[in-house]
């Protein structure tokens, strides 16, 4: 199996690390290129033992999957550069935010299997929540290949492409929402007199434990919350403040705003790339 990465930033590196760790692909069967950062290419070669090249023909020849991980603003230029080397057997997987499959199809001028994926930054520790959509030319074998690769960096869900902006607002940006909560918890710990490092460890373990309960118990979040919210108890007192402050409504509006921004940025990227 040969997998080629166009773009060698943090997301590509996270995927490369996952492929190697889960033994999905041999190191010398992974190829990568970037725009012009030769230092980064050398670092990837040294750290992961992969192959790097600026020769498009070498990069794309007989590739089982081509992972497109450039910045959205560079999509048009990069797609035009690789277009002469693509054929109908290619399997193209884009992790660019906001760039739809039909734009890619038009740019590469080749009818081939294309997937569009939305991982998040937790891919760097193998815990991404990735959603992936396929065009009609993707075979079952190619779908299995894509799912195995993204599962190497977390969990993967198959969705319709029109859901990806909503998923960007929910799980694509989701880690930042959790970090924001942690910031608030750390600040509160300081104000109630807890030592910073101890508080941080307690907060992290609390998050891990809550996530594991949600994952393994089979219970709904509301049921788990009610189970630890005794009448007149400490949890009820804290939850009541969250209700009074409108935290639930704020989070709903937060995710809606992020979704709307994803749609907006997608339109901006596309308009710039087509002008």
C-alpha atoms as a PDB file:
ATOM      1  CA  UNK A   1       0.000   0.000   0.000  1.00  0.00           C
ATOM      2  CA  UNK A   2       1.211   3.483  -0.907  1.00  0.00           C
ATOM      3  CA  UNK A   3      -0.236   6.588   0.736  1.00  0.00           C
ATOM      4  CA  UNK A   4       0.866  10.038  -0.387  1.00  0.00           C
ATOM      5  CA  UNK A   5       0.384  13.268   1.556  1.00  0.00           C
ATOM      6  CA  UNK A   6       0.174  16.636  -0.188  1.00  0.00           C
ATOM      7  CA  UNK A   7       0.793  19.081   2.615  1.00  0.00           C
ATOM      8  CA  UNK A   8       2.890  18.128   5.616  1.00  0.00           C
ATOM      9  CA  UNK A   9       1.525  20.180   8.505  1.00  0.00           C
ATOM     10  CA  UNK A  10       0.279  19.060  11.903  1.00  0.00           C
ATOM     11  CA  UNK A  11      -2.741  17.115  10.630  1.00  0.00           C
ATOM     12  CA  UNK A  12      -0.701  15.218   8.040  1.00  0.00           C
ATOM     13  CA  UNK A  13       1.931  14.441  10.662  1.00  0.00           C
ATOM     14  CA  UNK A  14      -0.705  13.175  13.103  1.00  0.00           C
ATOM     15  CA  UNK A  15      -2.082  10.864  10.415  1.00  0.00           C
ATOM     16  CA  UNK A  16       1.398   9.638   9.477  1.00  0.00           C
ATOM     17  CA  UNK A  17       2.166   8.863  13.131  1.00  0.00           C
ATOM     18  CA  UNK A  18      -1.124   6.965  13.471  1.00  0.00           C
ATOM     19  CA  UNK A  19      -0.528   4.932  10.325  1.00  0.00           C
ATOM     20  CA  UNK A  20       2.876   3.848  11.548  1.00  0.00           C
ATOM     21  CA  UNK A  21       1.848   3.191  15.152  1.00  0.00           C
ATOM     22  CA  UNK A  22      -1.151   1.050  14.128  1.00  0.00           C
ATOM     23  CA  UNK A  23       0.943  -0.696  11.434  1.00  0.00           C
ATOM     24  CA  UNK A  24      -1.574   0.145   8.717  1.00  0.00           C
ATOM     25  CA  UNK A  25       1.153   1.078   6.281  1.00  0.00           C
ATOM     26  CA  UNK A  26       4.906   0.525   6.052  1.00  0.00           C
ATOM     27  CA  UNK A  27       7.024   3.607   6.670  1.00  0.00           C
ATOM     28  CA  UNK A  28       8.710   3.399   3.268  1.00  0.00           C
ATOM     29  CA  UNK A  29       5.283   3.273   1.583  1.00  0.00           C
ATOM     30  CA  UNK A  30       4.281   6.664   2.978  1.00  0.00           C
ATOM     31  CA  UNK A  31       5.220   9.657   0.822  1.00  0.00           C
ATOM     32  CA  UNK A  32       4.865  13.350   1.627  1.00  0.00           C
ATOM     33  CA  UNK A  33       5.464  16.732   0.076  1.00  0.00           C
ATOM     34  CA  UNK A  34       4.860  20.355   0.984  1.00  0.00           C
ATOM     35  CA  UNK A  35       5.099  23.696  -0.744  1.00  0.00           C
ATOM     36  CA  UNK A  36       8.754  24.520  -0.041  1.00  0.00           C
ATOM     37  CA  UNK A  37       9.651  23.721   3.592  1.00  0.00           C
ATOM     38  CA  UNK A  38      12.621  21.411   3.116  1.00  0.00           C
ATOM     39  CA  UNK A  39      13.490  21.492   6.820  1.00  0.00           C
ATOM     40  CA  UNK A  40      10.078  20.058   7.704  1.00  0.00           C
ATOM     41  CA  UNK A  41      10.467  17.372   5.040  1.00  0.00           C
ATOM     42  CA  UNK A  42      13.833  16.341   6.480  1.00  0.00           C
ATOM     43  CA  UNK A  43      12.344  16.201   9.989  1.00  0.00           C
ATOM     44  CA  UNK A  44       9.533  13.910   8.813  1.00  0.00           C
ATOM     45  CA  UNK A  45      12.007  11.611   7.080  1.00  0.00           C
ATOM     46  CA  UNK A  46      14.209  11.390  10.159  1.00  0.00           C
ATOM     47  CA  UNK A  47      11.435  10.986  12.726  1.00  0.00           C
ATOM     48  CA  UNK A  48       9.126   8.605  10.856  1.00  0.00           C
ATOM     49  CA  UNK A  49      11.285   7.004   8.172  1.00  0.00           C
ATOM     50  CA  UNK A  50       8.904   8.017   5.384  1.00  0.00           C
ATOM     51  CA  UNK A  51       9.807   9.164   1.878  1.00  0.00           C
ATOM     52  CA  UNK A  52       9.583  12.829   0.871  1.00  0.00           C
ATOM     53  CA  UNK A  53       9.773  14.316  -2.600  1.00  0.00           C
ATOM     54  CA  UNK A  54       8.947  17.367  -4.670  1.00  0.00           C
ATOM     55  CA  UNK A  55       8.521  15.229  -7.803  1.00  0.00           C
ATOM     56  CA  UNK A  56       4.777  14.981  -8.384  1.00  0.00           C
ATOM     57  CA  UNK A  57       5.041  11.966 -10.652  1.00  0.00           C
ATOM     58  CA  UNK A  58       6.966   9.996  -8.011  1.00  0.00           C
ATOM     59  CA  UNK A  59       4.594  11.130  -5.282  1.00  0.00           C
ATOM     60  CA  UNK A  60       1.388  10.141  -7.056  1.00  0.00           C
ATOM     61  CA  UNK A  61       2.407   7.131  -9.142  1.00  0.00           C
ATOM     62  CA  UNK A  62       0.451   4.016  -8.049  1.00  0.00           C
ATOM     63  CA  UNK A  63      -0.745   5.685  -4.830  1.00  0.00           C
ATOM     64  CA  UNK A  64      -3.600   3.810  -3.134  1.00  0.00           C
ATOM     65  CA  UNK A  65      -4.638   7.038  -1.426  1.00  0.00           C
ATOM     66  CA  UNK A  66      -3.743  10.689  -1.908  1.00  0.00           C
ATOM     67  CA  UNK A  67      -4.327  12.738   1.246  1.00  0.00           C
ATOM     68  CA  UNK A  68      -4.763  16.426   0.472  1.00  0.00           C
ATOM     69  CA  UNK A  69      -3.825  18.427   3.593  1.00  0.00           C
ATOM     70  CA  UNK A  70      -2.919  21.905   2.339  1.00  0.00           C
ATOM     71  CA  UNK A  71      -4.397  25.132   3.681  1.00  0.00           C
ATOM     72  CA  UNK A  72      -7.717  25.986   1.995  1.00  0.00           C
ATOM     73  CA  UNK A  73      -6.285  29.215   0.544  1.00  0.00           C
ATOM     74  CA  UNK A  74      -3.649  27.157  -1.313  1.00  0.00           C
ATOM     75  CA  UNK A  75      -6.092  24.568  -2.644  1.00  0.00           C
ATOM     76  CA  UNK A  76      -6.509  25.937  -6.165  1.00  0.00           C
ATOM     77  CA  UNK A  77      -2.782  26.191  -6.846  1.00  0.00           C
ATOM     78  CA  UNK A  78      -2.011  22.772  -5.351  1.00  0.00           C
ATOM     79  CA  UNK A  79      -4.848  21.010  -7.185  1.00  0.00           C
ATOM     80  CA  UNK A  80      -3.759  22.514 -10.495  1.00  0.00           C
ATOM     81  CA  UNK A  81      -0.184  21.370  -9.846  1.00  0.00           C
ATOM     82  CA  UNK A  82      -1.111  17.724  -9.326  1.00  0.00           C
ATOM     83  CA  UNK A  83      -3.872  17.544 -11.947  1.00  0.00           C
ATOM     84  CA  UNK A  84      -1.639  16.322 -14.819  1.00  0.00           C
ATOM     85  CA  UNK A  85      -0.504  13.321 -12.732  1.00  0.00           C
ATOM     86  CA  UNK A  86      -3.929  12.041 -11.660  1.00  0.00           C
ATOM     87  CA  UNK A  87      -5.965   9.316 -13.326  1.00  0.00           C
ATOM     88  CA  UNK A  88      -9.390   7.739 -12.864  1.00  0.00           C
ATOM     89  CA  UNK A  89      -7.974   5.115 -10.477  1.00  0.00           C
ATOM     90  CA  UNK A  90      -6.886   7.729  -7.929  1.00  0.00           C
ATOM     91  CA  UNK A  91      -8.468   7.844  -4.469  1.00  0.00           C
ATOM     92  CA  UNK A  92      -8.353  11.425  -3.236  1.00  0.00           C
ATOM     93  CA  UNK A  93      -8.994  12.294   0.441  1.00  0.00           C
ATOM     94  CA  UNK A  94      -9.258  15.966   1.436  1.00  0.00           C
ATOM     95  CA  UNK A  95      -8.954  17.236   5.013  1.00  0.00           C
ATOM     96  CA  UNK A  96      -9.402  20.876   3.967  1.00  0.00           C
ATOM     97  CA  UNK A  97     -12.108  22.783   5.829  1.00  0.00           C
ATOM     98  CA  UNK A  98     -14.795  24.394   3.698  1.00  0.00           C
ATOM     99  CA  UNK A  99     -13.750  23.055   0.281  1.00  0.00           C
ATOM    100  CA  UNK A 100     -16.499  20.828  -1.180  1.00  0.00           C
ATOM    101  CA  UNK A 101     -16.007  17.700  -3.230  1.00  0.00           C
ATOM    102  CA  UNK A 102     -17.463  19.233  -6.399  1.00  0.00           C
ATOM    103  CA  UNK A 103     -14.860  22.026  -6.291  1.00  0.00           C
ATOM    104  CA  UNK A 104     -12.100  19.415  -6.136  1.00  0.00           C
ATOM    105  CA  UNK A 105     -13.678  17.468  -9.010  1.00  0.00           C
ATOM    106  CA  UNK A 106     -13.775  20.587 -11.167  1.00  0.00           C
ATOM    107  CA  UNK A 107     -10.178  21.538 -10.388  1.00  0.00           C
ATOM    108  CA  UNK A 108      -8.579  18.155 -11.031  1.00  0.00           C
ATOM    109  CA  UNK A 109     -10.671  17.603 -14.186  1.00  0.00           C
ATOM    110  CA  UNK A 110     -10.671  13.870 -13.463  1.00  0.00           C
ATOM    111  CA  UNK A 111     -13.591  11.687 -12.461  1.00  0.00           C
ATOM    112  CA  UNK A 112     -12.213   9.691  -9.548  1.00  0.00           C
ATOM    113  CA  UNK A 113     -13.027   8.532  -6.033  1.00  0.00           C
ATOM    114  CA  UNK A 114     -13.000  11.479  -3.598  1.00  0.00           C
ATOM    115  CA  UNK A 115     -13.580  11.660   0.158  1.00  0.00           C
ATOM    116  CA  UNK A 116     -13.784  14.732   2.356  1.00  0.00           C
ATOM    117  CA  UNK A 117     -12.895  14.373   6.029  1.00  0.00           C
ATOM    118  CA  UNK A 118     -13.094  16.638   9.066  1.00  0.00           C
ATOM    119  CA  UNK A 119     -10.745  15.501  11.856  1.00  0.00           C
ATOM    120  CA  UNK A 120      -9.909  17.651  14.887  1.00  0.00           C
ATOM    121  CA  UNK A 121      -6.655  18.566  16.611  1.00  0.00           C
ATOM    122  CA  UNK A 122      -6.891  15.658  19.040  1.00  0.00           C
ATOM    123  CA  UNK A 123      -5.577  13.586  16.127  1.00  0.00           C
ATOM    124  CA  UNK A 124      -2.109  14.477  17.420  1.00  0.00           C
ATOM    125  CA  UNK A 125      -2.708  12.191  20.442  1.00  0.00           C
ATOM    126  CA  UNK A 126      -4.717   9.573  18.540  1.00  0.00           C
ATOM    127  CA  UNK A 127      -8.092  10.790  19.865  1.00  0.00           C
ATOM    128  CA  UNK A 128      -9.628  12.667  16.931  1.00  0.00           C
ATOM    129  CA  UNK A 129     -13.359  12.663  16.259  1.00  0.00           C
ATOM    130  CA  UNK A 130     -13.421  12.461  12.443  1.00  0.00           C
ATOM    131  CA  UNK A 131     -16.406  12.696  10.115  1.00  0.00           C
ATOM    132  CA  UNK A 132     -15.981  11.581   6.511  1.00  0.00           C
ATOM    133  CA  UNK A 133     -18.113  11.847   3.373  1.00  0.00           C
ATOM    134  CA  UNK A 134     -17.634  10.075   0.028  1.00  0.00           C
ATOM    135  CA  UNK A 135     -18.573  10.753  -3.557  1.00  0.00           C
ATOM    136  CA  UNK A 136     -20.353   8.077  -5.588  1.00  0.00           C
ATOM    137  CA  UNK A 137     -17.139   6.715  -7.135  1.00  0.00           C
ATOM    138  CA  UNK A 138     -15.562   5.560  -3.863  1.00  0.00           C
ATOM    139  CA  UNK A 139     -15.524   1.742  -3.723  1.00  0.00           C
ATOM    140  CA  UNK A 140     -16.204  -0.300  -0.600  1.00  0.00           C
ATOM    141  CA  UNK A 141     -12.509  -1.210  -0.427  1.00  0.00           C
ATOM    142  CA  UNK A 142     -11.544   2.457  -0.572  1.00  0.00           C
ATOM    143  CA  UNK A 143     -14.089   3.330   2.114  1.00  0.00           C
ATOM    144  CA  UNK A 144     -12.628   0.639   4.369  1.00  0.00           C
ATOM    145  CA  UNK A 145      -9.133   1.980   3.712  1.00  0.00           C
ATOM    146  CA  UNK A 146     -10.126   5.548   4.595  1.00  0.00           C
ATOM    147  CA  UNK A 147     -11.973   4.471   7.735  1.00  0.00           C
ATOM    148  CA  UNK A 148      -8.990   2.372   8.889  1.00  0.00           C
ATOM    149  CA  UNK A 149      -6.630   5.315   8.400  1.00  0.00           C
ATOM    150  CA  UNK A 150      -8.754   7.859  10.258  1.00  0.00           C
ATOM    151  CA  UNK A 151      -9.536   5.286  12.949  1.00  0.00           C
ATOM    152  CA  UNK A 152      -5.774   5.133  13.536  1.00  0.00           C
ATOM    153  CA  UNK A 153      -6.034   8.693  14.908  1.00  0.00           C
ATOM    154  CA  UNK A 154      -9.333   8.324  16.778  1.00  0.00           C
ATOM    155  CA  UNK A 155     -12.925   7.437  15.920  1.00  0.00           C
ATOM    156  CA  UNK A 156     -14.589   7.880  12.533  1.00  0.00           C
ATOM    157  CA  UNK A 157     -18.187   8.456  11.458  1.00  0.00           C
ATOM    158  CA  UNK A 158     -19.536   8.360   7.889  1.00  0.00           C
ATOM    159  CA  UNK A 159     -21.827  11.314   7.119  1.00  0.00           C
ATOM    160  CA  UNK A 160     -23.362  13.158   4.203  1.00  0.00           C
ATOM    161  CA  UNK A 161     -21.202  16.015   2.926  1.00  0.00           C
ATOM    162  CA  UNK A 162     -23.859  18.624   3.742  1.00  0.00           C
ATOM    163  CA  UNK A 163     -23.396  17.771   7.435  1.00  0.00           C
ATOM    164  CA  UNK A 164     -19.689  18.616   7.552  1.00  0.00           C
ATOM    165  CA  UNK A 165     -20.119  22.310   8.399  1.00  0.00           C
ATOM    166  CA  UNK A 166     -22.257  21.348  11.400  1.00  0.00           C
ATOM    167  CA  UNK A 167     -19.674  18.765  12.424  1.00  0.00           C
ATOM    168  CA  UNK A 168     -16.961  21.422  12.128  1.00  0.00           C
ATOM    169  CA  UNK A 169     -18.921  23.569  14.594  1.00  0.00           C
ATOM    170  CA  UNK A 170     -19.530  20.647  16.950  1.00  0.00           C
ATOM    171  CA  UNK A 171     -16.430  18.425  17.039  1.00  0.00           C
ATOM    172  CA  UNK A 172     -13.987  20.200  14.724  1.00  0.00           C
ATOM    173  CA  UNK A 173     -13.910  23.188  17.074  1.00  0.00           C
ATOM    174  CA  UNK A 174     -15.016  21.095  20.045  1.00  0.00           C
ATOM    175  CA  UNK A 175     -11.634  20.642  21.751  1.00  0.00           C
ATOM    176  CA  UNK A 176     -11.350  24.426  22.142  1.00  0.00           C
ATOM    177  CA  UNK A 177     -14.686  24.563  23.964  1.00  0.00           C
ATOM    178  CA  UNK A 178     -13.429  21.983  26.452  1.00  0.00           C
ATOM    179  CA  UNK A 179     -10.155  23.880  26.925  1.00  0.00           C
ATOM    180  CA  UNK A 180     -12.208  27.008  27.615  1.00  0.00           C
ATOM    181  CA  UNK A 181     -14.098  25.166  30.366  1.00  0.00           C
ATOM    182  CA  UNK A 182     -10.821  23.950  31.831  1.00  0.00           C
ATOM    183  CA  UNK A 183      -9.496  27.520  31.892  1.00  0.00           C
ATOM    184  CA  UNK A 184     -12.544  28.549  33.919  1.00  0.00           C
ATOM    185  CA  UNK A 185     -12.155  25.576  36.283  1.00  0.00           C
ATOM    186  CA  UNK A 186      -8.481  26.430  36.812  1.00  0.00           C
ATOM    187  CA  UNK A 187      -9.361  30.039  37.594  1.00  0.00           C
ATOM    188  CA  UNK A 188     -12.010  28.933  40.073  1.00  0.00           C
ATOM    189  CA  UNK A 189      -9.523  26.546  41.710  1.00  0.00           C
ATOM    190  CA  UNK A 190      -7.163  29.454  42.275  1.00  0.00           C
ATOM    191  CA  UNK A 191      -9.934  31.584  43.782  1.00  0.00           C
ATOM    192  CA  UNK A 192     -11.004  28.869  46.230  1.00  0.00           C
ATOM    193  CA  UNK A 193      -7.428  28.315  47.384  1.00  0.00           C
ATOM    194  CA  UNK A 194      -6.235  25.175  45.583  1.00  0.00           C
ATOM    195  CA  UNK A 195      -2.643  24.702  44.435  1.00  0.00           C
ATOM    196  CA  UNK A 196      -2.424  25.109  40.656  1.00  0.00           C
ATOM    197  CA  UNK A 197      -0.749  21.842  39.656  1.00  0.00           C
ATOM    198  CA  UNK A 198      -2.890  19.728  41.957  1.00  0.00           C
ATOM    199  CA  UNK A 199      -6.033  21.400  40.620  1.00  0.00           C
ATOM    200  CA  UNK A 200      -4.938  20.799  37.024  1.00  0.00           C
ATOM    201  CA  UNK A 201      -4.419  17.075  37.650  1.00  0.00           C
ATOM    202  CA  UNK A 202      -7.811  16.804  39.339  1.00  0.00           C
ATOM    203  CA  UNK A 203      -9.543  18.637  36.474  1.00  0.00           C
ATOM    204  CA  UNK A 204      -7.925  16.483  33.791  1.00  0.00           C
ATOM    205  CA  UNK A 205      -8.812  13.243  35.587  1.00  0.00           C
ATOM    206  CA  UNK A 206     -12.362  14.494  36.115  1.00  0.00           C
ATOM    207  CA  UNK A 207     -12.715  15.089  32.371  1.00  0.00           C
ATOM    208  CA  UNK A 208     -11.232  11.684  31.518  1.00  0.00           C
ATOM    209  CA  UNK A 209     -13.526   9.957  34.005  1.00  0.00           C
ATOM    210  CA  UNK A 210     -16.628  11.760  32.745  1.00  0.00           C
ATOM    211  CA  UNK A 211     -15.747  10.931  29.120  1.00  0.00           C
ATOM    212  CA  UNK A 212     -15.228   7.271  30.017  1.00  0.00           C
ATOM    213  CA  UNK A 213     -18.572   7.173  31.829  1.00  0.00           C
ATOM    214  CA  UNK A 214     -20.320   8.611  28.788  1.00  0.00           C
ATOM    215  CA  UNK A 215     -18.543   6.125  26.535  1.00  0.00           C
ATOM    216  CA  UNK A 216     -18.879   2.951  28.577  1.00  0.00           C
ATOM    217  CA  UNK A 217     -22.020   3.282  30.696  1.00  0.00           C
ATOM    218  CA  UNK A 218     -24.508   3.464  27.841  1.00  0.00           C
ATOM    219  CA  UNK A 219     -26.381   6.172  29.740  1.00  0.00           C
ATOM    220  CA  UNK A 220     -27.415   9.588  28.476  1.00  0.00           C
ATOM    221  CA  UNK A 221     -25.524  12.657  29.732  1.00  0.00           C
ATOM    222  CA  UNK A 222     -28.676  13.955  31.415  1.00  0.00           C
ATOM    223  CA  UNK A 223     -29.089  10.688  33.359  1.00  0.00           C
ATOM    224  CA  UNK A 224     -25.466  10.711  34.519  1.00  0.00           C
ATOM    225  CA  UNK A 225     -25.811  14.331  35.631  1.00  0.00           C
ATOM    226  CA  UNK A 226     -29.011  13.628  37.571  1.00  0.00           C
ATOM    227  CA  UNK A 227     -27.377  10.635  39.267  1.00  0.00           C
ATOM    228  CA  UNK A 228     -24.779  12.867  40.924  1.00  0.00           C
ATOM    229  CA  UNK A 229     -27.096  15.819  41.607  1.00  0.00           C
ATOM    230  CA  UNK A 230     -28.583  15.164  45.027  1.00  0.00           C
ATOM    231  CA  UNK A 231     -31.319  17.533  46.227  1.00  0.00           C
ATOM    232  CA  UNK A 232     -29.777  20.249  48.355  1.00  0.00           C
ATOM    233  CA  UNK A 233     -26.274  19.006  47.614  1.00  0.00           C
ATOM    234  CA  UNK A 234     -23.111  20.640  46.294  1.00  0.00           C
ATOM    235  CA  UNK A 235     -23.601  19.601  42.661  1.00  0.00           C
ATOM    236  CA  UNK A 236     -27.125  20.998  42.609  1.00  0.00           C
ATOM    237  CA  UNK A 237     -25.825  24.320  43.937  1.00  0.00           C
ATOM    238  CA  UNK A 238     -23.241  24.487  41.154  1.00  0.00           C
ATOM    239  CA  UNK A 239     -25.649  23.413  38.394  1.00  0.00           C
ATOM    240  CA  UNK A 240     -28.173  26.014  39.533  1.00  0.00           C
ATOM    241  CA  UNK A 241     -25.614  28.780  38.964  1.00  0.00           C
ATOM    242  CA  UNK A 242     -24.905  27.413  35.470  1.00  0.00           C
ATOM    243  CA  UNK A 243     -28.648  27.514  34.755  1.00  0.00           C
ATOM    244  CA  UNK A 244     -28.975  31.068  36.052  1.00  0.00           C
ATOM    245  CA  UNK A 245     -26.052  32.188  33.911  1.00  0.00           C
ATOM    246  CA  UNK A 246     -27.522  30.596  30.779  1.00  0.00           C
ATOM    247  CA  UNK A 247     -24.550  28.292  30.162  1.00  0.00           C
ATOM    248  CA  UNK A 248     -26.603  25.701  28.256  1.00  0.00           C
ATOM    249  CA  UNK A 249     -28.011  28.333  25.901  1.00  0.00           C
ATOM    250  CA  UNK A 250     -24.549  29.866  25.487  1.00  0.00           C
ATOM    251  CA  UNK A 251     -23.072  26.544  24.384  1.00  0.00           C
ATOM    252  CA  UNK A 252     -25.888  25.953  21.912  1.00  0.00           C
ATOM    253  CA  UNK A 253     -25.338  29.407  20.420  1.00  0.00           C
ATOM    254  CA  UNK A 254     -21.563  28.829  20.431  1.00  0.00           C
ATOM    255  CA  UNK A 255     -21.860  25.698  18.274  1.00  0.00           C
ATOM    256  CA  UNK A 256     -24.387  27.335  15.959  1.00  0.00           C
ATOM    257  CA  UNK A 257     -22.067  30.329  15.483  1.00  0.00           C
ATOM    258  CA  UNK A 258     -19.097  28.079  14.714  1.00  0.00           C
ATOM    259  CA  UNK A 259     -21.207  26.164  12.180  1.00  0.00           C
ATOM    260  CA  UNK A 260     -22.319  29.378  10.474  1.00  0.00           C
ATOM    261  CA  UNK A 261     -18.706  30.573  10.368  1.00  0.00           C
ATOM    262  CA  UNK A 262     -17.636  27.300   8.741  1.00  0.00           C
ATOM    263  CA  UNK A 263     -20.237  27.828   6.018  1.00  0.00           C
ATOM    264  CA  UNK A 264     -19.142  31.444   5.566  1.00  0.00           C
ATOM    265  CA  UNK A 265     -15.429  30.599   5.363  1.00  0.00           C
ATOM    266  CA  UNK A 266     -16.165  27.838   2.868  1.00  0.00           C
ATOM    267  CA  UNK A 267     -17.936  30.337   0.608  1.00  0.00           C
ATOM    268  CA  UNK A 268     -15.078  32.838   0.993  1.00  0.00           C
ATOM    269  CA  UNK A 269     -12.411  30.228   0.149  1.00  0.00           C
ATOM    270  CA  UNK A 270     -14.361  29.019  -2.872  1.00  0.00           C
ATOM    271  CA  UNK A 271     -14.988  32.529  -4.211  1.00  0.00           C
ATOM    272  CA  UNK A 272     -11.300  33.438  -3.859  1.00  0.00           C
ATOM    273  CA  UNK A 273     -10.185  30.215  -5.501  1.00  0.00           C
ATOM    274  CA  UNK A 274     -12.500  30.672  -8.485  1.00  0.00           C
ATOM    275  CA  UNK A 275     -11.596  34.329  -9.150  1.00  0.00           C
END
